[in-house]
């Protein structure tokens, strides 16, 4: 394990060259640029996709937020608590966040930190396209939501926020 890790990991995946697939990295950029609050204790990480080796990035964390674009999420986003599950993705070149947690559990023989998934609704994923206007609206709502999470880093607040997200999506 590394000597010093930030207690919160905000981990986004997506390809900036594929339209709305860039929503995850764009959220991290937006969080860094938004707000007056300090970002101490938060580590930001991006990659094109979640992979097996990312399980080790969870070591020493108190909370993890995975962020990804989704073609099927409700607008503007879905926010859920994750459970460590070995799904079929472990046999592919990328894995689901739940499988990253499962791999962490298998490798470390310890429970993974509390982890959540923010799935931002996207629409256009073509190569060379910018983020679509509708997805930008969803991104803006997601940034506001994550800012609130980062302002209160108690796990019970993050868990309660899953209910708030359901209210947002029912409008």
N, C-alpha and C. Protein backbone atom coordinates (compact mmCIF):
# COMPACT_ATOMS: atom_id res chain seq x y z
N UNK A 1 0.84 -1.18 0.00
CA UNK A 1 0.00 0.00 0.00
C UNK A 1 0.89 1.24 0.00
N UNK A 2 0.43 2.30 -0.66
CA UNK A 2 1.16 3.55 -0.71
C UNK A 2 1.20 4.19 0.67
N UNK A 3 2.23 5.01 0.92
CA UNK A 3 2.37 5.65 2.21
C UNK A 3 1.21 6.58 2.54
N UNK A 4 0.82 7.39 1.59
CA UNK A 4 -0.22 8.36 1.84
C UNK A 4 -1.19 8.40 0.67
N UNK A 5 -2.44 8.11 0.96
CA UNK A 5 -3.46 8.19 -0.08
C UNK A 5 -4.57 9.11 0.41
N UNK A 6 -5.18 9.78 -0.53
CA UNK A 6 -6.32 10.62 -0.19
C UNK A 6 -7.47 9.73 0.24
N UNK A 7 -8.24 10.14 1.24
CA UNK A 7 -9.33 9.29 1.70
C UNK A 7 -10.44 9.10 0.67
N UNK A 8 -10.61 10.07 -0.24
CA UNK A 8 -11.67 9.97 -1.25
C UNK A 8 -11.03 9.83 -2.63
N UNK A 9 -11.51 8.83 -3.37
CA UNK A 9 -11.08 8.65 -4.76
C UNK A 9 -12.27 8.92 -5.67
N UNK A 10 -12.12 9.86 -6.56
CA UNK A 10 -13.11 10.15 -7.60
C UNK A 10 -12.51 9.63 -8.89
N UNK A 11 -13.07 8.52 -9.39
CA UNK A 11 -12.48 7.79 -10.50
C UNK A 11 -13.46 7.76 -11.67
N UNK A 12 -13.10 8.44 -12.74
CA UNK A 12 -13.96 8.53 -13.91
C UNK A 12 -13.33 7.83 -15.10
N UNK A 13 -14.18 7.19 -15.88
CA UNK A 13 -13.67 6.61 -17.11
C UNK A 13 -14.42 7.18 -18.29
N UNK A 14 -13.78 7.12 -19.44
CA UNK A 14 -14.39 7.60 -20.65
C UNK A 14 -13.35 8.01 -21.66
N UNK A 15 -13.77 8.03 -22.91
CA UNK A 15 -12.88 8.39 -24.01
C UNK A 15 -13.25 9.79 -24.50
N UNK A 16 -12.36 10.77 -24.27
CA UNK A 16 -12.65 12.14 -24.68
C UNK A 16 -12.85 12.32 -26.18
N UNK A 17 -12.49 11.33 -26.98
CA UNK A 17 -12.64 11.41 -28.44
C UNK A 17 -13.96 10.82 -28.93
N UNK A 18 -14.81 10.37 -28.01
CA UNK A 18 -16.05 9.70 -28.41
C UNK A 18 -17.30 10.39 -27.84
N UNK A 19 -17.46 11.65 -28.15
CA UNK A 19 -18.68 12.36 -27.78
C UNK A 19 -19.01 12.26 -26.30
N UNK A 20 -20.22 11.79 -26.00
CA UNK A 20 -20.70 11.74 -24.62
C UNK A 20 -19.93 10.75 -23.75
N UNK A 21 -19.11 9.90 -24.34
CA UNK A 21 -18.28 9.01 -23.54
C UNK A 21 -17.30 9.81 -22.69
N UNK A 22 -17.11 11.07 -23.03
CA UNK A 22 -16.20 11.94 -22.29
C UNK A 22 -16.83 12.52 -21.02
N UNK A 23 -18.06 12.15 -20.70
CA UNK A 23 -18.74 12.73 -19.54
C UNK A 23 -17.99 12.50 -18.23
N UNK A 24 -17.42 11.32 -18.03
CA UNK A 24 -16.70 11.04 -16.79
C UNK A 24 -15.51 11.97 -16.60
N UNK A 25 -14.56 12.00 -17.55
CA UNK A 25 -13.45 12.94 -17.42
C UNK A 25 -13.90 14.41 -17.37
N UNK A 26 -14.97 14.75 -18.08
CA UNK A 26 -15.47 16.13 -18.05
C UNK A 26 -16.01 16.48 -16.66
N UNK A 27 -16.59 15.50 -15.96
CA UNK A 27 -17.06 15.75 -14.60
C UNK A 27 -15.88 16.09 -13.70
N UNK A 28 -14.81 15.34 -13.81
CA UNK A 28 -13.64 15.64 -12.97
C UNK A 28 -13.11 17.04 -13.27
N UNK A 29 -13.03 17.39 -14.54
CA UNK A 29 -12.58 18.72 -14.90
C UNK A 29 -13.53 19.78 -14.32
N UNK A 30 -14.83 19.53 -14.40
CA UNK A 30 -15.80 20.46 -13.85
C UNK A 30 -15.72 20.61 -12.35
N UNK A 31 -15.48 19.50 -11.65
CA UNK A 31 -15.33 19.56 -10.18
C UNK A 31 -14.09 20.37 -9.82
N UNK A 32 -13.02 20.16 -10.55
CA UNK A 32 -11.79 20.91 -10.26
C UNK A 32 -11.99 22.41 -10.50
N UNK A 33 -12.84 22.77 -11.45
CA UNK A 33 -13.03 24.17 -11.81
C UNK A 33 -14.18 24.84 -11.05
N UNK A 34 -15.07 24.05 -10.46
CA UNK A 34 -16.28 24.63 -9.84
C UNK A 34 -16.05 24.97 -8.38
N UNK A 35 -16.69 25.73 -7.78
CA UNK A 35 -16.72 25.83 -6.33
C UNK A 35 -15.49 26.42 -5.67
N UNK A 36 -15.74 26.89 -4.48
CA UNK A 36 -14.71 27.52 -3.67
C UNK A 36 -14.12 26.57 -2.65
N UNK A 37 -14.74 25.41 -2.51
CA UNK A 37 -14.29 24.49 -1.48
C UNK A 37 -12.95 23.91 -1.89
N UNK A 38 -12.16 23.57 -0.90
CA UNK A 38 -10.88 22.95 -1.18
C UNK A 38 -11.07 21.50 -1.62
N UNK A 39 -10.09 21.01 -2.29
CA UNK A 39 -10.13 19.64 -2.78
C UNK A 39 -9.13 18.75 -2.04
N UNK A 40 -8.73 19.20 -0.85
CA UNK A 40 -7.83 18.38 -0.04
C UNK A 40 -8.51 17.07 0.30
N UNK A 41 -7.75 16.00 0.30
CA UNK A 41 -8.28 14.70 0.67
C UNK A 41 -9.01 14.00 -0.46
N UNK A 42 -8.95 14.56 -1.67
CA UNK A 42 -9.60 13.93 -2.83
C UNK A 42 -8.55 13.65 -3.88
N UNK A 43 -8.54 12.43 -4.38
CA UNK A 43 -7.68 12.10 -5.51
C UNK A 43 -8.58 11.90 -6.72
N UNK A 44 -8.15 12.46 -7.83
CA UNK A 44 -8.88 12.33 -9.09
C UNK A 44 -8.11 11.39 -9.99
N UNK A 45 -8.84 10.49 -10.61
CA UNK A 45 -8.20 9.54 -11.52
C UNK A 45 -9.12 9.34 -12.73
N UNK A 46 -8.53 9.28 -13.91
CA UNK A 46 -9.29 8.98 -15.11
C UNK A 46 -8.58 7.90 -15.91
N UNK A 47 -9.37 7.18 -16.66
CA UNK A 47 -8.86 6.18 -17.58
C UNK A 47 -9.93 5.95 -18.64
N UNK A 48 -9.57 5.28 -19.70
CA UNK A 48 -10.55 5.00 -20.75
C UNK A 48 -11.62 4.02 -20.27
N UNK A 49 -11.23 3.10 -19.39
CA UNK A 49 -12.17 2.10 -18.88
C UNK A 49 -11.64 1.57 -17.55
N UNK A 50 -12.53 0.98 -16.77
CA UNK A 50 -12.13 0.38 -15.51
C UNK A 50 -11.50 -0.97 -15.81
N UNK A 51 -10.39 -1.26 -15.12
CA UNK A 51 -9.67 -2.49 -15.38
C UNK A 51 -9.30 -3.18 -14.06
N UNK A 52 -8.90 -4.43 -14.17
CA UNK A 52 -8.58 -5.26 -13.01
C UNK A 52 -7.59 -4.57 -12.08
N UNK A 53 -6.54 -4.00 -12.65
CA UNK A 53 -5.49 -3.40 -11.81
C UNK A 53 -5.97 -2.19 -11.02
N UNK A 54 -7.11 -1.63 -11.37
CA UNK A 54 -7.63 -0.49 -10.60
C UNK A 54 -8.09 -0.89 -9.21
N UNK A 55 -8.23 -2.16 -8.96
CA UNK A 55 -8.60 -2.61 -7.61
C UNK A 55 -7.59 -2.12 -6.58
N UNK A 56 -6.33 -2.07 -6.94
CA UNK A 56 -5.31 -1.62 -6.00
C UNK A 56 -5.40 -0.14 -5.70
N UNK A 57 -6.04 0.63 -6.57
CA UNK A 57 -6.23 2.06 -6.31
C UNK A 57 -7.20 2.32 -5.16
N UNK A 58 -7.92 1.29 -4.72
CA UNK A 58 -8.89 1.44 -3.64
C UNK A 58 -8.25 1.32 -2.26
N UNK A 59 -7.01 0.84 -2.21
CA UNK A 59 -6.36 0.64 -0.91
C UNK A 59 -6.25 1.95 -0.13
N UNK A 60 -6.63 1.90 1.13
CA UNK A 60 -6.50 3.04 2.03
C UNK A 60 -7.58 4.11 1.86
N UNK A 61 -8.59 3.84 1.07
CA UNK A 61 -9.64 4.83 0.82
C UNK A 61 -10.76 4.70 1.85
N UNK A 62 -11.41 5.82 2.11
CA UNK A 62 -12.60 5.83 2.95
C UNK A 62 -13.87 5.81 2.10
N UNK A 63 -13.78 6.37 0.89
CA UNK A 63 -14.92 6.41 -0.03
C UNK A 63 -14.39 6.45 -1.46
N UNK A 64 -15.17 5.85 -2.35
CA UNK A 64 -14.82 5.86 -3.78
C UNK A 64 -16.08 6.20 -4.57
N UNK A 65 -15.93 7.11 -5.52
CA UNK A 65 -17.01 7.41 -6.45
C UNK A 65 -16.51 7.11 -7.85
N UNK A 66 -17.13 6.11 -8.48
CA UNK A 66 -16.87 5.79 -9.88
C UNK A 66 -17.83 6.62 -10.72
N UNK A 67 -17.35 7.14 -11.84
CA UNK A 67 -18.18 7.95 -12.72
C UNK A 67 -18.02 7.45 -14.15
N UNK A 68 -19.15 7.31 -14.84
CA UNK A 68 -19.11 6.84 -16.22
C UNK A 68 -20.33 7.36 -16.96
N UNK A 69 -20.22 7.45 -18.27
CA UNK A 69 -21.36 7.79 -19.11
C UNK A 69 -22.22 6.54 -19.28
N UNK A 70 -23.50 6.73 -19.55
CA UNK A 70 -24.40 5.61 -19.72
C UNK A 70 -25.42 5.91 -20.81
N UNK A 71 -25.68 4.92 -21.64
CA UNK A 71 -26.72 5.07 -22.67
C UNK A 71 -28.10 4.74 -22.12
N UNK A 72 -28.17 4.16 -20.93
CA UNK A 72 -29.46 3.70 -20.40
C UNK A 72 -29.87 4.33 -19.07
N UNK A 73 -29.01 5.14 -18.47
CA UNK A 73 -29.35 5.76 -17.18
C UNK A 73 -30.49 6.74 -17.36
N UNK A 74 -31.23 6.96 -16.28
CA UNK A 74 -32.25 8.01 -16.28
C UNK A 74 -31.57 9.36 -16.39
N UNK A 75 -32.30 10.34 -16.89
CA UNK A 75 -31.76 11.70 -16.95
C UNK A 75 -31.92 12.38 -15.60
N UNK A 76 -31.03 13.16 -15.13
CA UNK A 76 -29.76 13.48 -15.74
C UNK A 76 -28.66 12.46 -15.41
N UNK A 77 -28.88 11.68 -14.34
CA UNK A 77 -27.88 10.68 -13.93
C UNK A 77 -28.54 9.69 -12.98
N UNK A 78 -27.85 8.59 -12.74
CA UNK A 78 -28.23 7.65 -11.69
C UNK A 78 -27.05 7.53 -10.73
N UNK A 79 -27.37 7.42 -9.46
CA UNK A 79 -26.34 7.32 -8.41
C UNK A 79 -26.72 6.15 -7.52
N UNK A 80 -25.83 5.18 -7.42
CA UNK A 80 -26.14 3.97 -6.65
C UNK A 80 -24.94 3.54 -5.80
N UNK A 81 -25.26 2.87 -4.72
CA UNK A 81 -24.21 2.25 -3.90
C UNK A 81 -23.81 0.95 -4.57
N UNK A 82 -22.54 0.66 -4.58
CA UNK A 82 -22.03 -0.55 -5.22
C UNK A 82 -21.80 -1.67 -4.21
N UNK A 83 -21.96 -2.88 -4.67
CA UNK A 83 -21.66 -4.08 -3.90
C UNK A 83 -20.64 -4.88 -4.71
N UNK A 84 -19.69 -5.47 -4.03
CA UNK A 84 -18.67 -6.27 -4.71
C UNK A 84 -19.31 -7.51 -5.32
N UNK A 85 -19.30 -7.59 -6.64
CA UNK A 85 -19.89 -8.72 -7.36
C UNK A 85 -18.97 -9.10 -8.51
N UNK A 86 -18.77 -10.38 -8.67
CA UNK A 86 -18.03 -10.85 -9.84
C UNK A 86 -19.04 -11.10 -10.95
N UNK A 87 -19.10 -10.17 -11.89
CA UNK A 87 -20.00 -10.36 -13.03
C UNK A 87 -19.19 -10.84 -14.23
N UNK A 88 -19.80 -10.93 -15.35
CA UNK A 88 -19.12 -11.45 -16.55
C UNK A 88 -18.02 -10.54 -17.06
N UNK A 89 -17.96 -9.30 -16.59
CA UNK A 89 -16.98 -8.36 -17.13
C UNK A 89 -15.54 -8.74 -16.77
N UNK A 90 -15.35 -9.59 -15.76
CA UNK A 90 -13.98 -9.93 -15.37
C UNK A 90 -13.23 -10.71 -16.45
N UNK A 91 -13.92 -11.20 -17.46
CA UNK A 91 -13.26 -11.93 -18.54
C UNK A 91 -13.04 -11.07 -19.77
N UNK A 92 -13.31 -9.77 -19.68
CA UNK A 92 -13.15 -8.89 -20.83
C UNK A 92 -12.01 -7.91 -20.59
N UNK A 93 -11.79 -7.02 -21.56
CA UNK A 93 -10.70 -6.05 -21.44
C UNK A 93 -11.04 -4.92 -20.47
N UNK A 94 -12.30 -4.74 -20.14
CA UNK A 94 -12.68 -3.77 -19.12
C UNK A 94 -13.63 -4.45 -18.14
N UNK A 95 -13.69 -3.91 -16.93
CA UNK A 95 -14.54 -4.53 -15.91
C UNK A 95 -15.49 -3.48 -15.34
N UNK A 96 -16.56 -3.95 -14.75
CA UNK A 96 -17.50 -3.05 -14.09
C UNK A 96 -16.93 -2.58 -12.75
N UNK A 97 -17.40 -1.45 -12.24
CA UNK A 97 -16.95 -1.01 -10.92
C UNK A 97 -17.23 -2.06 -9.83
N UNK A 98 -18.37 -2.77 -9.92
CA UNK A 98 -18.67 -3.81 -8.93
C UNK A 98 -17.63 -4.93 -8.98
N UNK A 99 -17.15 -5.24 -10.15
CA UNK A 99 -16.10 -6.26 -10.28
C UNK A 99 -14.76 -5.74 -9.76
N UNK A 100 -14.48 -4.45 -9.93
CA UNK A 100 -13.26 -3.88 -9.35
C UNK A 100 -13.30 -4.08 -7.83
N UNK A 101 -14.47 -3.85 -7.21
CA UNK A 101 -14.60 -4.08 -5.77
C UNK A 101 -14.39 -5.54 -5.42
N UNK A 102 -14.95 -6.43 -6.23
CA UNK A 102 -14.80 -7.87 -5.98
C UNK A 102 -13.32 -8.28 -6.06
N UNK A 103 -12.64 -7.78 -7.05
CA UNK A 103 -11.21 -8.10 -7.20
C UNK A 103 -10.43 -7.58 -6.01
N UNK A 104 -10.75 -6.37 -5.55
CA UNK A 104 -10.11 -5.82 -4.36
C UNK A 104 -10.28 -6.77 -3.18
N UNK A 105 -11.50 -7.23 -3.00
CA UNK A 105 -11.82 -8.14 -1.89
C UNK A 105 -11.02 -9.44 -2.00
N UNK A 106 -10.93 -9.98 -3.20
CA UNK A 106 -10.20 -11.24 -3.43
C UNK A 106 -8.70 -11.06 -3.21
N UNK A 107 -8.14 -9.98 -3.69
CA UNK A 107 -6.70 -9.75 -3.62
C UNK A 107 -6.25 -9.39 -2.21
N UNK A 108 -6.99 -8.50 -1.55
CA UNK A 108 -6.57 -8.01 -0.24
C UNK A 108 -7.12 -8.82 0.93
N UNK A 109 -8.14 -9.64 0.65
CA UNK A 109 -8.84 -10.39 1.71
C UNK A 109 -9.44 -9.44 2.75
N UNK A 110 -9.87 -8.28 2.26
CA UNK A 110 -10.47 -7.27 3.12
C UNK A 110 -11.69 -6.70 2.40
N UNK A 111 -12.57 -6.07 3.16
CA UNK A 111 -13.74 -5.44 2.56
C UNK A 111 -13.31 -4.19 1.81
N UNK A 112 -13.89 -3.95 0.65
CA UNK A 112 -13.55 -2.72 -0.07
C UNK A 112 -14.17 -1.51 0.64
N UNK A 113 -13.66 -0.33 0.37
CA UNK A 113 -14.25 0.87 0.96
C UNK A 113 -15.65 1.09 0.40
N UNK A 114 -16.48 1.87 1.09
CA UNK A 114 -17.79 2.20 0.54
C UNK A 114 -17.60 2.84 -0.84
N UNK A 115 -18.36 2.34 -1.81
CA UNK A 115 -18.18 2.81 -3.18
C UNK A 115 -19.54 3.04 -3.83
N UNK A 116 -19.56 4.02 -4.72
CA UNK A 116 -20.78 4.44 -5.39
C UNK A 116 -20.49 4.62 -6.88
N UNK A 117 -21.55 4.54 -7.67
CA UNK A 117 -21.43 4.74 -9.11
C UNK A 117 -22.36 5.86 -9.54
N UNK A 118 -21.80 6.84 -10.22
CA UNK A 118 -22.58 7.90 -10.84
C UNK A 118 -22.57 7.64 -12.34
N UNK A 119 -23.72 7.31 -12.88
CA UNK A 119 -23.88 7.04 -14.31
C UNK A 119 -24.58 8.23 -14.94
N UNK A 120 -23.85 8.98 -15.76
CA UNK A 120 -24.39 10.18 -16.37
C UNK A 120 -24.98 9.82 -17.73
N UNK A 121 -26.21 10.21 -17.97
CA UNK A 121 -26.90 9.86 -19.21
C UNK A 121 -26.26 10.57 -20.40
N UNK A 122 -25.85 9.76 -21.38
CA UNK A 122 -25.29 10.27 -22.63
C UNK A 122 -26.11 9.80 -23.80
N UNK A 123 -25.89 10.40 -24.97
CA UNK A 123 -26.72 10.12 -26.14
C UNK A 123 -25.91 9.86 -27.41
N UNK A 124 -24.84 10.60 -27.61
CA UNK A 124 -24.06 10.53 -28.85
C UNK A 124 -22.64 10.09 -28.51
N UNK A 125 -22.22 8.95 -29.06
CA UNK A 125 -20.91 8.39 -28.71
C UNK A 125 -20.00 8.20 -29.93
N UNK A 126 -20.25 8.95 -30.98
CA UNK A 126 -19.48 8.78 -32.20
C UNK A 126 -18.07 9.33 -32.09
N UNK A 127 -17.15 8.70 -32.79
CA UNK A 127 -15.76 9.12 -32.81
C UNK A 127 -15.63 10.54 -33.35
N UNK A 128 -14.92 11.37 -32.64
CA UNK A 128 -14.68 12.74 -33.07
C UNK A 128 -15.78 13.72 -32.74
N UNK A 129 -16.85 13.26 -32.13
CA UNK A 129 -17.95 14.16 -31.76
C UNK A 129 -17.66 14.85 -30.43
N UNK A 130 -18.18 16.07 -30.24
CA UNK A 130 -18.09 16.70 -28.92
C UNK A 130 -19.21 16.15 -28.02
N UNK A 131 -19.18 16.51 -26.77
CA UNK A 131 -20.28 16.15 -25.87
C UNK A 131 -21.53 16.85 -26.36
N UNK A 132 -22.63 16.12 -26.46
CA UNK A 132 -23.89 16.67 -26.98
C UNK A 132 -24.48 17.68 -26.01
N UNK A 133 -25.34 18.55 -26.52
CA UNK A 133 -25.98 19.58 -25.70
C UNK A 133 -26.80 18.96 -24.57
N UNK A 134 -27.57 17.91 -24.87
CA UNK A 134 -28.37 17.27 -23.81
C UNK A 134 -27.48 16.67 -22.74
N UNK A 135 -26.38 16.05 -23.14
CA UNK A 135 -25.46 15.46 -22.16
C UNK A 135 -24.76 16.54 -21.34
N UNK A 136 -24.50 17.69 -21.93
CA UNK A 136 -23.90 18.80 -21.17
C UNK A 136 -24.84 19.25 -20.04
N UNK A 137 -26.13 19.26 -20.32
CA UNK A 137 -27.10 19.59 -19.26
C UNK A 137 -27.02 18.55 -18.14
N UNK A 138 -26.93 17.29 -18.50
CA UNK A 138 -26.82 16.22 -17.50
C UNK A 138 -25.51 16.33 -16.73
N UNK A 139 -24.45 16.71 -17.42
CA UNK A 139 -23.15 16.91 -16.78
C UNK A 139 -23.23 18.03 -15.75
N UNK A 140 -23.88 19.12 -16.10
CA UNK A 140 -24.00 20.25 -15.16
C UNK A 140 -24.73 19.82 -13.89
N UNK A 141 -25.81 19.06 -14.03
CA UNK A 141 -26.55 18.57 -12.86
C UNK A 141 -25.67 17.61 -12.05
N UNK A 142 -24.87 16.81 -12.72
CA UNK A 142 -23.99 15.85 -12.04
C UNK A 142 -22.91 16.57 -11.25
N UNK A 143 -22.36 17.62 -11.81
CA UNK A 143 -21.32 18.38 -11.11
C UNK A 143 -21.89 18.98 -9.83
N UNK A 144 -23.08 19.56 -9.89
CA UNK A 144 -23.72 20.11 -8.69
C UNK A 144 -23.92 19.03 -7.64
N UNK A 145 -24.37 17.86 -8.07
CA UNK A 145 -24.62 16.74 -7.16
C UNK A 145 -23.32 16.28 -6.49
N UNK A 146 -22.27 16.10 -7.28
CA UNK A 146 -20.99 15.64 -6.73
C UNK A 146 -20.37 16.70 -5.82
N UNK A 147 -20.54 17.97 -6.17
CA UNK A 147 -20.06 19.03 -5.27
C UNK A 147 -20.67 18.88 -3.88
N UNK A 148 -21.96 18.56 -3.82
CA UNK A 148 -22.62 18.36 -2.52
C UNK A 148 -22.05 17.15 -1.79
N UNK A 149 -21.78 16.07 -2.54
CA UNK A 149 -21.17 14.89 -1.91
C UNK A 149 -19.82 15.23 -1.30
N UNK A 150 -19.01 15.94 -2.07
CA UNK A 150 -17.66 16.24 -1.62
C UNK A 150 -17.64 17.26 -0.48
N UNK A 151 -18.70 18.03 -0.35
CA UNK A 151 -18.79 18.98 0.76
C UNK A 151 -19.11 18.28 2.07
N UNK A 152 -19.70 17.10 2.01
CA UNK A 152 -20.03 16.31 3.20
C UNK A 152 -19.58 14.88 2.95
N UNK A 153 -18.45 14.53 3.47
CA UNK A 153 -17.84 13.24 3.15
C UNK A 153 -18.19 12.12 4.11
N UNK A 154 -19.22 12.31 4.91
CA UNK A 154 -19.69 11.23 5.78
C UNK A 154 -20.35 10.16 4.92
N UNK A 155 -20.04 8.89 5.18
CA UNK A 155 -20.61 7.83 4.36
C UNK A 155 -22.13 7.79 4.46
N UNK A 156 -22.68 8.12 5.63
CA UNK A 156 -24.14 8.10 5.75
C UNK A 156 -24.76 9.16 4.83
N UNK A 157 -24.09 10.29 4.64
CA UNK A 157 -24.59 11.32 3.72
C UNK A 157 -24.55 10.79 2.29
N UNK A 158 -23.44 10.14 1.91
CA UNK A 158 -23.33 9.59 0.55
C UNK A 158 -24.40 8.52 0.32
N UNK A 159 -24.67 7.71 1.34
CA UNK A 159 -25.69 6.68 1.21
C UNK A 159 -27.08 7.32 1.10
N UNK A 160 -27.36 8.31 1.94
CA UNK A 160 -28.65 9.00 1.87
C UNK A 160 -28.83 9.70 0.53
N UNK A 161 -27.74 10.10 -0.10
CA UNK A 161 -27.82 10.81 -1.38
C UNK A 161 -28.37 9.90 -2.48
N UNK A 162 -28.31 8.59 -2.29
CA UNK A 162 -28.91 7.70 -3.30
C UNK A 162 -30.41 7.96 -3.36
N UNK A 163 -31.03 8.30 -2.23
CA UNK A 163 -32.46 8.64 -2.21
C UNK A 163 -32.70 9.98 -2.89
N UNK A 164 -31.82 10.95 -2.65
CA UNK A 164 -31.95 12.25 -3.30
C UNK A 164 -31.86 12.11 -4.81
N UNK A 165 -30.96 11.26 -5.27
CA UNK A 165 -30.79 11.05 -6.71
C UNK A 165 -32.06 10.46 -7.30
N UNK A 166 -32.74 9.60 -6.57
CA UNK A 166 -33.99 9.04 -7.07
C UNK A 166 -35.05 10.12 -7.23
N UNK A 167 -35.05 11.09 -6.32
CA UNK A 167 -36.00 12.19 -6.41
C UNK A 167 -35.68 13.05 -7.63
N UNK A 168 -34.41 13.34 -7.85
CA UNK A 168 -33.99 14.13 -9.01
C UNK A 168 -34.46 13.44 -10.29
N UNK A 169 -34.30 12.14 -10.36
CA UNK A 169 -34.64 11.41 -11.57
C UNK A 169 -36.14 11.18 -11.76
N UNK A 170 -36.93 11.41 -10.73
CA UNK A 170 -38.37 11.21 -10.86
C UNK A 170 -39.09 12.47 -11.35
N UNK A 171 -38.34 13.56 -11.48
CA UNK A 171 -38.96 14.83 -11.93
C UNK A 171 -39.27 14.80 -13.40
